[in-house]
C-alpha atoms as a PDB file:
ATOM      1  CA  MET A   1     -15.746 -33.578   4.068  1.00  0.00           C
ATOM      2  CA  LYS A   2     -14.926 -30.880   6.612  1.00  0.00           C
ATOM      3  CA  THR A   3     -13.505 -27.564   5.446  1.00  0.00           C
ATOM      4  CA  SER A   4     -11.556 -25.448   7.887  1.00  0.00           C
ATOM      5  CA  PRO A   5     -12.526 -21.787   8.323  1.00  0.00           C
ATOM      6  CA  ASN A   6      -8.994 -20.728   7.379  1.00  0.00           C
ATOM      7  CA  ARG A   7      -9.277 -22.502   4.057  1.00  0.00           C
ATOM      8  CA  ILE A   8     -12.617 -20.833   3.320  1.00  0.00           C
ATOM      9  CA  VAL A   9     -11.166 -17.393   4.075  1.00  0.00           C
ATOM     10  CA  LEU A  10      -8.125 -18.115   1.899  1.00  0.00           C
ATOM     11  CA  LEU A  11     -10.280 -19.254  -1.032  1.00  0.00           C
ATOM     12  CA  LEU A  12     -12.551 -16.237  -0.659  1.00  0.00           C
ATOM     13  CA  LEU A  13      -9.598 -13.854  -0.583  1.00  0.00           C
ATOM     14  CA  ALA A  14      -8.031 -15.529  -3.630  1.00  0.00           C
ATOM     15  CA  SER A  15     -11.346 -15.262  -5.493  1.00  0.00           C
ATOM     16  CA  VAL A  16     -11.696 -11.560  -4.701  1.00  0.00           C
ATOM     17  CA  LEU A  17      -8.120 -10.813  -5.750  1.00  0.00           C
ATOM     18  CA  LEU A  18      -8.539 -12.776  -8.970  1.00  0.00           C
ATOM     19  CA  ALA A  19     -11.750 -10.889  -9.754  1.00  0.00           C
ATOM     20  CA  LEU A  20     -10.107  -7.519  -9.130  1.00  0.00           C
ATOM     21  CA  PHE A  21      -7.035  -8.463 -11.141  1.00  0.00           C
ATOM     22  CA  GLY A  22      -9.189  -9.791 -13.970  1.00  0.00           C
ATOM     23  CA  ALA A  23     -11.233  -6.596 -14.059  1.00  0.00           C
ATOM     24  CA  GLY A  24      -8.017  -4.611 -14.504  1.00  0.00           C
ATOM     25  CA  CYS A  25      -7.021  -6.530 -17.631  1.00  0.00           C
ATOM     26  CA  ALA A  26      -9.527  -6.251 -20.449  1.00  0.00           C
ATOM     27  CA  THR A  27      -7.693  -8.605 -22.816  1.00  0.00           C
ATOM     28  CA  VAL A  28      -5.360 -11.568 -22.779  1.00  0.00           C
ATOM     29  CA  ARG A  29      -2.631  -9.287 -24.097  1.00  0.00           C
ATOM     30  CA  GLY A  30      -3.227  -6.930 -21.182  1.00  0.00           C
ATOM     31  CA  PHE A  31      -2.991  -9.862 -18.793  1.00  0.00           C
ATOM     32  CA  GLY A  32       0.345 -10.865 -20.338  1.00  0.00           C
ATOM     33  CA  ARG A  33       1.672  -7.339 -19.943  1.00  0.00           C
ATOM     34  CA  ASP A  34       0.562  -7.226 -16.317  1.00  0.00           C
ATOM     35  CA  VAL A  35       2.269 -10.539 -15.566  1.00  0.00           C
ATOM     36  CA  GLY A  36       5.423  -9.363 -17.318  1.00  0.00           C
ATOM     37  CA  THR A  37       5.452  -6.111 -15.387  1.00  0.00           C
ATOM     38  CA  ALA A  38       4.942  -7.951 -12.117  1.00  0.00           C
ATOM     39  CA  GLY A  39       7.859 -10.244 -12.986  1.00  0.00           C
ATOM     40  CA  GLU A  40      10.084  -7.259 -13.743  1.00  0.00           C
ATOM     41  CA  HIS A  41       9.229  -5.683 -10.381  1.00  0.00           C
ATOM     42  CA  ILE A  42      10.049  -8.930  -8.607  1.00  0.00           C
ATOM     43  CA  GLU A  43      13.383  -9.172 -10.433  1.00  0.00           C
ATOM     44  CA  ASP A  44      14.218  -5.553  -9.602  1.00  0.00           C
ATOM     45  CA  SER A  45      13.437  -6.062  -5.927  1.00  0.00           C
ATOM     46  CA  THR A  46      15.849  -8.996  -5.685  1.00  0.00           C
ATOM     47  CA  ARG A  47      18.807  -6.960  -6.948  1.00  0.00           C
END
């Protein structure tokens, strides 16, 4: 199975972002708050 370089870079970037995001949320509750806040910002930007 051949993997393209673009796919490897994308997976690496996604892994790094997930690790950084996960480090910012110490608990599941904190993760829920972060997701909720992100959703609110997205809603506000569409208005």
